[in-house]
Protein backbone atom coordinates (compact mmCIF):
# COMPACT_ATOMS: atom_id res chain seq x y z
CA MET A 1 0.00 0.00 0.00
CA THR A 2 1.63 3.25 -1.14
CA PHE A 3 1.43 6.58 0.62
CA ASN A 4 -0.97 7.96 -2.00
CA THR A 5 -3.21 4.92 -1.78
CA TYR A 6 -3.37 5.16 1.97
CA HIS A 7 -4.05 8.93 1.79
CA TRP A 8 -7.05 8.22 -0.43
CA MET A 9 -8.34 5.53 1.95
CA GLU A 10 -7.90 7.90 4.87
CA LYS A 11 -9.88 10.60 3.08
CA VAL A 12 -12.76 8.33 2.11
CA PHE A 13 -13.09 6.15 5.20
CA LEU A 14 -11.54 8.03 8.11
CA SER A 15 -12.40 11.69 7.52
CA PRO A 16 -15.95 11.32 8.90
CA ILE A 17 -14.55 9.65 12.02
CA LEU A 18 -11.85 12.26 12.48
CA ARG A 19 -14.55 14.90 12.85
CA GLY A 20 -15.78 13.03 15.99
CA THR A 21 -14.68 12.85 19.63
CA TYR A 22 -11.59 10.74 19.08
CA HIS A 23 -9.94 13.02 16.52
CA ASP A 24 -6.52 13.19 18.15
CA ALA A 25 -6.28 9.50 18.90
CA LEU A 26 -7.33 8.50 15.41
CA ALA A 27 -5.02 11.06 13.85
CA SER A 28 -2.08 9.53 15.74
CA TRP A 29 -3.21 6.10 14.64
CA CYS A 30 -3.28 7.24 11.02
CA ILE A 31 0.25 8.61 11.26
CA ALA A 32 1.51 5.33 12.74
CA VAL A 33 -0.21 3.22 10.06
CA ARG A 34 1.04 5.54 7.34
CA LYS A 35 4.63 5.05 8.53
CA LEU A 36 4.07 1.31 8.69
CA SER A 37 2.71 1.31 5.15
CA CYS A 38 5.87 3.02 3.93
CA ILE A 39 8.01 0.37 5.60
CA LEU A 40 5.89 -2.41 4.09
CA CYS A 41 6.10 -0.77 0.70
CA ALA A 42 9.90 -0.70 0.90
CA LEU A 43 9.97 -4.36 1.90
CA LEU A 44 7.68 -5.27 -0.99
CA VAL A 45 9.93 -3.45 -3.45
CA LEU A 46 12.96 -5.27 -2.04
CA PHE A 47 11.15 -8.59 -2.32
CA ALA A 48 10.06 -7.82 -5.88
CA ASN A 49 13.62 -7.00 -6.93
CA THR A 50 14.88 -10.23 -5.39
CA ALA A 51 12.16 -12.22 -7.16
CA VAL A 52 13.03 -10.68 -10.52
CA ALA A 53 16.67 -11.67 -10.03
CA GLN A 54 15.72 -15.31 -9.44
CA VAL A 55 15.41 -17.12 -12.76
CA SER A 56 15.23 -20.75 -13.73
CA PHE A 57 15.20 -22.90 -16.83
CA LEU A 58 12.12 -22.83 -19.01
CA ASP A 59 9.96 -25.90 -18.38
CA GLN A 60 8.73 -26.74 -21.87
CA GLU A 61 6.57 -29.59 -20.59
CA ASP A 62 4.78 -27.11 -18.36
CA GLN A 63 4.29 -24.85 -21.40
CA VAL A 64 2.41 -27.66 -23.17
CA ARG A 65 0.20 -28.10 -20.12
CA GLN A 66 -0.40 -24.36 -20.10
CA ILE A 67 -1.60 -24.54 -23.72
CA PHE A 68 -4.47 -26.82 -22.72
CA ALA A 69 -5.14 -24.71 -19.62
CA LEU A 70 -5.50 -21.61 -21.82
CA ILE A 71 -7.79 -23.45 -24.26
CA ASP A 72 -9.86 -24.48 -21.24
CA LYS A 73 -10.00 -20.88 -19.95
CA ARG A 74 -11.29 -19.79 -23.34
CA LEU A 75 -14.03 -22.41 -23.24
CA GLU A 76 -14.85 -21.38 -19.69
CA LEU A 77 -15.84 -17.93 -20.95
CA MET A 78 -18.32 -19.35 -23.45
CA GLN A 79 -21.17 -19.49 -20.96
CA ALA A 80 -20.93 -15.72 -20.42
CA VAL A 81 -20.59 -15.13 -24.19
CA ALA A 82 -23.62 -17.32 -24.85
CA ALA A 83 -25.60 -15.50 -22.14
CA TRP A 84 -24.87 -12.10 -23.69
CA LYS A 85 -25.87 -13.29 -27.17
CA HIS A 86 -29.01 -14.96 -25.81
CA VAL A 87 -30.11 -11.90 -23.84
CA HIS A 88 -29.45 -9.58 -26.81
CA GLN A 89 -30.86 -12.00 -29.38
CA ARG A 90 -27.64 -12.18 -31.38
CA PRO A 91 -26.64 -15.20 -33.49
CA VAL A 92 -23.93 -17.49 -32.18
CA LEU A 93 -21.92 -17.26 -35.40
CA ASP A 94 -20.24 -13.91 -36.09
CA ASP A 95 -18.49 -14.49 -39.42
CA ILE A 96 -16.83 -11.07 -39.59
CA ARG A 97 -15.45 -11.25 -36.05
CA GLU A 98 -14.16 -14.82 -36.42
CA SER A 99 -12.56 -14.15 -39.79
CA SER A 100 -10.83 -11.04 -38.46
CA VAL A 101 -9.50 -12.78 -35.35
CA LEU A 102 -8.37 -15.82 -37.31
CA GLU A 103 -6.43 -13.81 -39.90
CA ALA A 104 -4.82 -11.67 -37.19
CA THR A 105 -3.79 -14.79 -35.28
CA VAL A 106 -2.26 -16.43 -38.36
CA ALA A 107 -0.41 -13.21 -39.20
CA GLN A 108 0.92 -13.03 -35.63
CA ALA A 109 2.07 -16.66 -35.83
CA GLN A 110 3.98 -15.93 -39.02
CA THR A 111 5.86 -13.05 -37.40
CA PHE A 112 6.90 -15.54 -34.72
CA GLY A 113 8.03 -17.86 -37.51
CA ILE A 114 5.35 -20.45 -36.71
CA SER A 115 3.89 -22.37 -39.66
CA ALA A 116 0.60 -20.78 -40.75
CA GLU A 117 -1.65 -23.66 -41.76
CA PRO A 118 -1.50 -25.69 -38.53
CA VAL A 119 -2.18 -22.45 -36.61
CA ARG A 120 -5.18 -21.76 -38.82
CA GLU A 121 -6.42 -25.30 -38.25
CA LEU A 122 -5.86 -25.07 -34.47
CA PHE A 123 -7.72 -21.79 -33.99
CA THR A 124 -10.49 -22.66 -36.45
CA LEU A 125 -11.12 -25.76 -34.39
CA GLN A 126 -11.21 -23.75 -31.16
CA MET A 127 -13.73 -21.34 -32.67
CA ARG A 128 -15.98 -24.21 -33.71
CA LEU A 129 -15.78 -25.75 -30.23
CA ALA A 130 -16.63 -22.34 -28.74
CA ARG A 131 -19.70 -21.97 -30.99
CA GLU A 132 -20.90 -25.46 -30.19
CA MET A 133 -20.58 -24.82 -26.47
CA GLN A 134 -22.44 -21.51 -26.77
CA GLN A 135 -25.24 -23.21 -28.65
CA ARG A 136 -25.56 -25.94 -26.02
CA PHE A 137 -26.02 -23.32 -23.29
CA ILE A 138 -28.58 -21.40 -25.35
CA ASP A 139 -30.52 -24.59 -26.14
CA GLN A 140 -30.61 -25.48 -22.43
CA TRP A 141 -31.88 -22.02 -21.43
CA THR A 142 -34.48 -22.04 -24.19
CA ALA A 143 -35.77 -25.51 -23.28
CA ALA A 144 -36.00 -24.54 -19.61
CA GLY A 145 -37.50 -21.15 -20.34
CA VAL A 146 -34.70 -19.50 -18.38
CA VAL A 147 -33.26 -16.06 -19.05
CA PRO A 148 -29.66 -15.76 -17.79
CA ALA A 149 -28.78 -13.01 -15.34
CA ALA A 150 -27.26 -9.88 -16.88
CA PRO A 151 -23.92 -11.10 -18.33
CA PRO A 152 -20.71 -9.06 -18.73
CA ASP A 153 -20.64 -6.91 -21.86
CA LEU A 154 -19.34 -8.79 -24.88
CA SER A 155 -17.35 -5.95 -26.47
CA ALA A 156 -16.12 -4.18 -23.35
CA GLU A 157 -15.30 -7.17 -21.12
CA LEU A 158 -15.49 -10.61 -22.71
CA ARG A 159 -13.77 -10.07 -26.05
CA PRO A 160 -10.76 -8.29 -24.48
CA GLN A 161 -10.35 -11.33 -22.22
CA LEU A 162 -10.55 -13.64 -25.23
CA ASP A 163 -8.04 -11.54 -27.17
CA LYS A 164 -5.62 -11.63 -24.22
CA LEU A 165 -5.95 -15.39 -23.98
CA GLY A 166 -5.21 -15.64 -27.70
CA VAL A 167 -1.95 -13.70 -27.32
CA GLN A 168 -0.94 -15.76 -24.29
CA LEU A 169 -1.73 -18.96 -26.15
CA MET A 170 0.47 -17.97 -29.10
CA GLN A 171 3.40 -17.10 -26.82
CA THR A 172 2.99 -20.37 -24.93
CA ILE A 173 2.86 -22.34 -28.18
CA TYR A 174 6.04 -20.59 -29.27
CA LEU A 175 7.89 -21.57 -26.09
CA ALA A 176 6.62 -25.16 -26.22
CA MET A 177 7.54 -25.79 -29.87
CA PRO A 178 10.26 -28.46 -29.36
CA GLU A 179 7.83 -30.65 -27.42
CA PHE A 180 5.45 -30.95 -30.38
CA GLN A 181 8.02 -33.08 -32.21
CA ARG A 182 8.02 -35.83 -29.59
CA GLN A 183 7.00 -39.15 -31.07
CA ASP A 184 4.85 -39.81 -28.01
CA PHE A 185 3.46 -36.25 -27.90
CA HIS A 186 -0.20 -37.24 -27.81
CA SER A 187 0.10 -40.10 -25.32
CA TYR A 188 2.54 -38.23 -23.07
CA TYR A 189 0.26 -35.19 -22.69
CA ALA A 190 -3.12 -36.92 -22.92
CA GLY A 191 -3.88 -36.08 -19.30
CA SER A 192 -3.47 -32.36 -19.99
CA ALA A 193 -6.71 -32.39 -22.00
CA HIS A 194 -8.77 -33.78 -19.11
CA SER A 195 -10.36 -30.44 -18.19
CA ILE A 196 -11.37 -29.84 -21.82
CA ALA A 197 -12.99 -33.27 -22.01
CA GLN A 198 -14.96 -32.47 -18.86
CA ARG A 199 -16.50 -29.51 -20.69
CA GLY A 200 -18.02 -31.86 -23.23
CA VAL A 201 -15.37 -31.68 -25.95
CA GLU A 202 -15.47 -35.00 -27.78
CA GLU A 203 -12.49 -37.29 -28.14
CA ARG A 204 -12.23 -36.79 -31.90
CA ASP A 205 -11.90 -33.02 -31.39
CA ILE A 206 -9.29 -33.47 -28.67
CA ASN A 207 -7.38 -35.70 -31.09
CA ALA A 208 -7.66 -32.98 -33.71
CA LEU A 209 -6.19 -30.43 -31.27
CA PHE A 210 -3.23 -32.73 -30.64
CA ASP A 211 -2.77 -33.33 -34.39
CA ALA A 212 -2.73 -29.59 -35.14
CA LEU A 213 -0.20 -28.92 -32.38
CA ALA A 214 2.00 -31.80 -33.54
CA ARG A 215 2.23 -30.28 -37.03
CA LEU A 216 3.41 -26.88 -35.80
CA ARG A 217 6.96 -26.01 -36.83
CA LEU A 218 9.24 -22.98 -36.66
CA MET A 219 9.94 -21.55 -40.08
CA PRO A 220 13.09 -19.61 -41.04
CA VAL A 221 12.48 -15.94 -40.25
CA PRO A 222 14.98 -13.35 -38.99
CA ALA A 223 15.65 -13.88 -35.29
CA LEU A 224 15.25 -10.21 -34.40
CA GLN A 225 11.82 -10.18 -36.05
CA ARG A 226 10.81 -13.19 -33.96
CA ILE A 227 12.08 -11.58 -30.74
CA THR A 228 10.35 -8.28 -31.49
CA ALA A 229 7.05 -9.96 -32.36
CA SER A 230 6.98 -12.43 -29.47
CA ARG A 231 8.58 -10.10 -26.89
CA ILE A 232 10.54 -13.20 -25.82
CA LEU A 233 14.31 -13.79 -25.91
CA ARG A 234 15.15 -17.50 -25.80
CA ILE A 235 18.57 -17.94 -24.20
CA GLY A 236 20.39 -21.25 -24.35
CA THR A 237 22.76 -22.16 -21.52
CA THR A 238 24.18 -25.22 -19.80
CA GLY A 239 23.88 -23.88 -16.26
CA ASP A 240 27.01 -25.76 -15.18
CA TYR A 241 29.90 -23.34 -15.69
CA ALA A 242 30.46 -20.96 -12.79
CA PRO A 243 31.16 -18.07 -12.65
CA PHE A 244 29.33 -17.59 -15.97
CA THR A 245 26.24 -19.72 -15.35
CA LEU A 246 25.26 -22.12 -12.61
CA GLU A 247 22.03 -23.90 -11.77
CA SER A 248 21.61 -24.59 -8.06
CA ARG A 249 18.38 -25.60 -6.30
CA GLY A 250 16.46 -24.86 -9.47
CA MET A 251 17.77 -21.30 -9.79
CA LEU A 252 20.22 -19.88 -12.34
CA THR A 253 22.95 -17.48 -11.29
CA GLY A 254 26.20 -16.16 -12.72
CA ALA A 255 27.71 -13.27 -14.63
CA ASP A 256 26.23 -14.34 -17.96
CA ILE A 257 22.77 -14.88 -16.48
CA ALA A 258 22.78 -11.30 -15.20
CA ALA A 259 24.07 -10.11 -18.58
CA ALA A 260 21.36 -12.00 -20.48
CA ILE A 261 18.64 -10.44 -18.32
CA SER A 262 20.09 -7.01 -19.12
CA LEU A 263 20.27 -7.84 -22.83
CA ALA A 264 16.64 -9.00 -22.86
CA ALA A 265 15.59 -5.68 -21.33
CA PHE A 266 17.63 -3.87 -24.00
CA LEU A 267 15.72 -5.83 -26.67
CA ASP A 268 12.39 -5.14 -24.89
CA ALA A 269 11.83 -8.86 -24.39
CA GLU A 270 11.27 -11.33 -21.58
CA PRO A 271 14.26 -13.65 -20.98
CA GLN A 272 13.50 -17.36 -21.16
CA PHE A 273 16.41 -19.69 -20.39
CA VAL A 274 16.51 -22.90 -22.43
CA ARG A 275 18.53 -25.85 -21.19
CA THR A 276 21.27 -27.16 -23.45
CA THR A 277 24.49 -29.15 -22.92
CA TRP A 278 28.02 -28.78 -24.21
CA ALA A 279 27.55 -31.95 -26.26
CA THR A 280 24.33 -30.68 -27.89
CA LEU A 281 25.04 -26.94 -27.97
CA MET A 282 25.59 -26.61 -31.71
CA THR A 283 22.86 -29.13 -32.60
CA ASP A 284 20.38 -27.16 -30.50
CA TYR A 285 21.63 -23.97 -32.13
CA GLN A 286 21.02 -25.37 -35.60
CA GLY A 287 17.65 -26.69 -34.46
CA ASN A 288 16.57 -23.14 -33.56
CA ARG A 289 15.94 -24.00 -29.91
CA PHE A 290 17.21 -20.59 -28.80
CA ASP A 291 17.96 -17.14 -30.21
CA LEU A 292 21.37 -16.91 -28.58
CA ALA A 293 23.45 -18.87 -26.11
CA ILE A 294 25.53 -17.73 -23.16
CA GLY A 295 27.68 -19.26 -20.47
CA GLY A 296 31.41 -18.95 -21.17
CA ILE A 297 31.16 -20.23 -24.75
CA SER A 298 34.51 -20.19 -26.54
CA ILE A 299 34.93 -19.17 -30.16
CA THR A 300 36.46 -22.23 -31.83
CA ILE A 301 37.31 -23.28 -35.36
CA GLU A 302 34.67 -26.03 -35.11
CA ARG A 303 31.90 -23.66 -34.07
CA THR A 304 32.56 -20.65 -36.31
CA PRO A 305 31.60 -22.38 -39.60
CA ILE A 306 28.24 -23.23 -38.06
CA GLY A 307 27.37 -20.32 -35.79
CA SER A 308 27.70 -16.57 -35.44
CA PHE A 309 29.35 -14.94 -32.46
CA SER A 310 29.24 -11.56 -30.80
CA ILE A 311 32.33 -9.53 -30.11
CA PRO A 312 34.35 -11.21 -27.32
CA TYR A 313 33.78 -10.27 -23.71
CA TYR A 314 36.41 -12.44 -22.03
CA ARG A 315 39.77 -14.00 -22.95
CA GLY A 316 41.21 -16.98 -21.12
CA GLY A 317 42.98 -20.28 -21.57
CA LYS A 318 43.22 -23.89 -20.46
CA THR A 319 45.16 -24.74 -17.31
CA PRO A 320 45.23 -27.69 -14.89
CA ILE A 321 43.43 -27.91 -11.54
CA VAL A 322 44.56 -30.59 -9.08
CA ARG A 323 44.28 -31.69 -5.48
CA CYS A 324 46.48 -29.51 -3.30
CA GLY A 325 49.85 -31.12 -2.61
CA THR A 326 50.11 -32.67 -6.08
CA GLU A 327 50.85 -29.48 -8.03
CA SER A 328 54.48 -30.45 -8.77
CA ARG A 329 53.33 -33.63 -10.52
CA PHE A 330 51.05 -31.93 -13.06
CA GLY A 331 52.56 -28.54 -13.85
CA SER A 332 53.13 -29.16 -17.57
CA LEU A 333 51.42 -30.86 -20.48
CA ASN A 334 54.16 -33.48 -20.63
CA GLU A 335 53.66 -34.38 -16.97
CA ILE A 336 49.92 -34.68 -17.42
CA ASN A 337 50.20 -36.63 -20.67
CA GLN A 338 51.32 -39.85 -19.02
CA ALA A 339 49.68 -43.27 -18.94
CA GLY A 340 48.00 -43.80 -15.60
CA VAL A 341 47.25 -40.14 -14.94
CA ARG A 342 43.55 -39.90 -14.16
CA VAL A 343 42.42 -36.95 -16.26
CA ILE A 344 38.76 -36.12 -15.74
CA VAL A 345 36.77 -34.09 -18.27
CA ASN A 346 33.21 -32.95 -18.95
CA PRO A 347 32.25 -34.15 -22.44
CA GLY A 348 31.13 -32.17 -25.45
CA GLY A 349 32.96 -28.86 -25.11
CA THR A 350 36.40 -27.36 -25.50
CA ASN A 351 37.72 -29.20 -22.44
CA GLU A 352 37.20 -32.59 -24.08
CA ARG A 353 38.54 -31.27 -27.36
CA PHE A 354 41.72 -30.13 -25.61
CA VAL A 355 42.19 -33.54 -23.98
CA ARG A 356 41.65 -35.39 -27.27
CA GLU A 357 44.13 -33.15 -29.11
CA HIS A 358 46.90 -32.85 -26.51
CA LEU A 359 46.71 -35.76 -24.06
CA HIS A 360 47.04 -38.83 -26.28
CA ASN A 361 48.62 -41.05 -23.63
CA VAL A 362 45.81 -40.82 -21.08
CA GLN A 363 42.47 -42.54 -20.93
CA PRO A 364 40.18 -39.66 -19.88
CA ILE A 365 37.41 -40.11 -17.35
CA LEU A 366 34.23 -38.65 -18.85
CA TYR A 367 32.10 -37.02 -16.17
CA THR A 368 28.85 -35.45 -17.29
CA ASP A 369 28.00 -33.18 -14.33
CA ASN A 370 30.27 -30.16 -14.54
CA ARG A 371 28.79 -28.82 -11.29
CA THR A 372 30.20 -31.67 -9.18
CA ILE A 373 33.21 -32.69 -11.24
CA PHE A 374 35.70 -30.87 -9.01
CA GLU A 375 34.65 -32.96 -6.03
CA GLU A 376 36.12 -35.96 -7.89
CA ILE A 377 39.54 -34.27 -7.82
CA ALA A 378 39.23 -32.96 -4.27
CA THR A 379 38.42 -36.43 -2.90
CA GLY A 380 41.13 -38.21 -4.90
CA ARG A 381 38.96 -40.07 -7.40
CA ALA A 382 40.70 -38.17 -10.23
CA ASP A 383 44.10 -36.48 -10.51
CA VAL A 384 43.67 -33.51 -12.79
CA MET A 385 41.26 -31.56 -14.95
CA VAL A 386 42.30 -29.13 -17.66
CA THR A 387 39.77 -26.35 -17.96
CA ASP A 388 39.49 -22.58 -18.40
CA ASP A 389 41.62 -20.52 -16.04
CA VAL A 390 38.62 -18.49 -14.83
CA GLU A 391 36.94 -21.69 -13.67
CA VAL A 392 40.15 -22.89 -12.02
CA ASP A 393 40.50 -19.58 -10.19
CA LEU A 394 36.94 -19.78 -8.93
CA GLN A 395 37.08 -23.41 -7.83
CA THR A 396 40.41 -23.01 -6.01
CA GLN A 397 38.98 -20.05 -4.13
CA ARG A 398 35.83 -21.96 -3.25
CA ASP A 399 37.52 -25.17 -2.12
CA SER A 400 40.74 -25.16 -0.11
CA ARG A 401 41.43 -28.75 -1.20
CA LEU A 402 41.95 -27.66 -4.82
CA CYS A 403 44.95 -25.87 -6.31
CA ARG A 404 46.07 -24.51 -9.65
CA ALA A 405 49.01 -26.59 -10.85
CA THR A 406 50.71 -23.85 -12.84
CA ALA A 407 50.36 -20.17 -13.67
CA GLU A 408 50.75 -21.10 -17.34
CA VAL A 409 47.80 -21.34 -19.73
CA PHE A 410 48.18 -23.94 -22.46
CA THR A 411 45.85 -22.30 -25.00
CA GLN A 412 43.98 -19.01 -25.49
CA TYR A 413 40.26 -18.65 -26.22
CA ASP A 414 37.88 -15.72 -26.62
CA LYS A 415 34.46 -16.12 -25.06
CA ALA A 416 31.41 -14.60 -26.70
CA LEU A 417 27.66 -14.95 -27.16
CA LEU A 418 26.57 -17.54 -29.74
CA ILE A 419 23.89 -15.76 -31.79
CA ALA A 420 21.37 -16.80 -34.43
CA CYS A 421 22.59 -15.94 -37.92
CA ASP A 422 20.73 -12.65 -38.24
CA PRO A 423 22.91 -9.62 -39.08
CA LYS A 424 20.45 -7.17 -37.48
CA LEU A 425 20.36 -9.08 -34.22
CA ILE A 426 24.15 -9.48 -34.18
CA THR A 427 24.57 -5.73 -34.75
CA LYS A 428 22.23 -4.90 -31.87
CA VAL A 429 23.87 -7.38 -29.51
CA ASP A 430 27.35 -6.13 -30.39
CA ALA A 431 26.28 -2.53 -29.77
CA TRP A 432 24.86 -3.49 -26.39
CA LEU A 433 27.89 -5.60 -25.44
CA SER A 434 30.34 -2.89 -26.50
CA ALA A 435 28.61 -0.39 -24.23
CA GLU A 436 28.55 -2.94 -21.40
CA ARG A 437 32.30 -3.52 -21.72
CA GLU A 438 33.14 0.18 -21.86
CA SER A 439 31.01 0.94 -18.81
CA GLY A 440 32.74 -1.78 -16.80
CA LYS A 441 29.53 -3.78 -16.30
CA VAL A 442 30.98 -6.94 -17.84
CA SER A 443 33.94 -7.07 -15.46
CA GLN A 444 31.75 -6.03 -12.52
CA ARG A 445 29.31 -8.89 -13.15
CA LEU A 446 32.22 -11.32 -13.16
CA LYS A 447 33.49 -9.90 -9.86
CA ASP A 448 30.01 -10.14 -8.38
CA ALA A 449 29.73 -13.77 -9.52
CA PHE A 450 33.08 -14.58 -7.90
CA SER A 451 31.98 -12.95 -4.66
CA SER A 452 28.68 -14.80 -4.69
CA GLU A 453 30.29 -18.17 -5.34
CA ASN A 454 33.01 -17.60 -2.77
CA SER A 455 30.43 -16.86 -0.10
CA SER A 456 29.71 -20.61 -0.13
CA ALA A 457 33.36 -21.66 -0.17
CA ILE A 458 34.35 -25.12 1.02
CA THR A 459 37.11 -25.14 3.64
CA ARG A 460 37.82 -28.66 4.80
């Protein structure tokens, strides 16, 4: 409750009382409550800012469930729509309205890059189901000789709600797109249509809804156009590479997470983080699962023929991390490249590539969880890992059992954002990133991420 809101409440509800016997006492009470409201307001703002900072991976399965929930909400409004038409003696079918809405919806889908014909089929089907439900209500009222109570106004209240649901449905469809290609799509999500079936929608029509959704595909359109139209920025990340990105207890943190949120605001879009892995990063990129990817991604000769990158924002190199006390054994490539040395590596990225190219005499231990891989070294189940120096610096600060084996870096890499091949989007991202570097925000985010990670340091 803001000060202005409370002042209005005081004027409307308390002014008559204040004219009575207890004026002074009530006035003091008002002052005390007003101060309390200011404190509560400040706490709410603080809570809101904290909530905004907490982000997690997009749950695409939940997006599919939301699609059916939104279809159900649309059907739920049909009783009120039918009541208005019945009271005002209007026909159920409004050809002009339906045609206008349908064409606008298809046009919106195309700006998102979503295939037009399945969208047309999907929304045409929903309109038919809505008409049939309206007619059932009207037939029931007519047979019973009942006139519904005064319903909400169709133009002023009901249609705006329906239009809003249509926009939400299109955005949700857009975010759920990869799920539609599941071979078991219909059977896996059959339970999501339960509420629709309870409203009297027949099985054949539910099957038709699933069929239309399953045929939806993303078509090749410029990425910036898609972002502008959808107001959504899809951001791919692994969530396993602190200090750039890290998923912990369902929440994403790190320097690149903070940067991506800032970039989304710059593009006037909502950030949605899409899970990927180092092994599938480029496949997901080519499959259009995200608009750009972040998280300490190195520019490599394997990736550049496939993808587009922003200007670099960090330069680093590969160096070994070991259990403290063993540094002298693994300070050079030659010392590491010996049979029997237990080299551990997370598969699919530049770390594995480095091992395959430079450590031919070792049999690497592939360990898929980059968030817990350092515990394998700290507890003696592995001897050494060669990874980026920034990650080594962070992990050795977090865990007193781990040490950097040498100050040397074996290779040099630039890190950048992996961006969809759209020159306009790349230009905008580069302009934003250049300003972020010059202002010192890039380096500050990295320092903040180090501080945050080190606050949970392990000292055993």
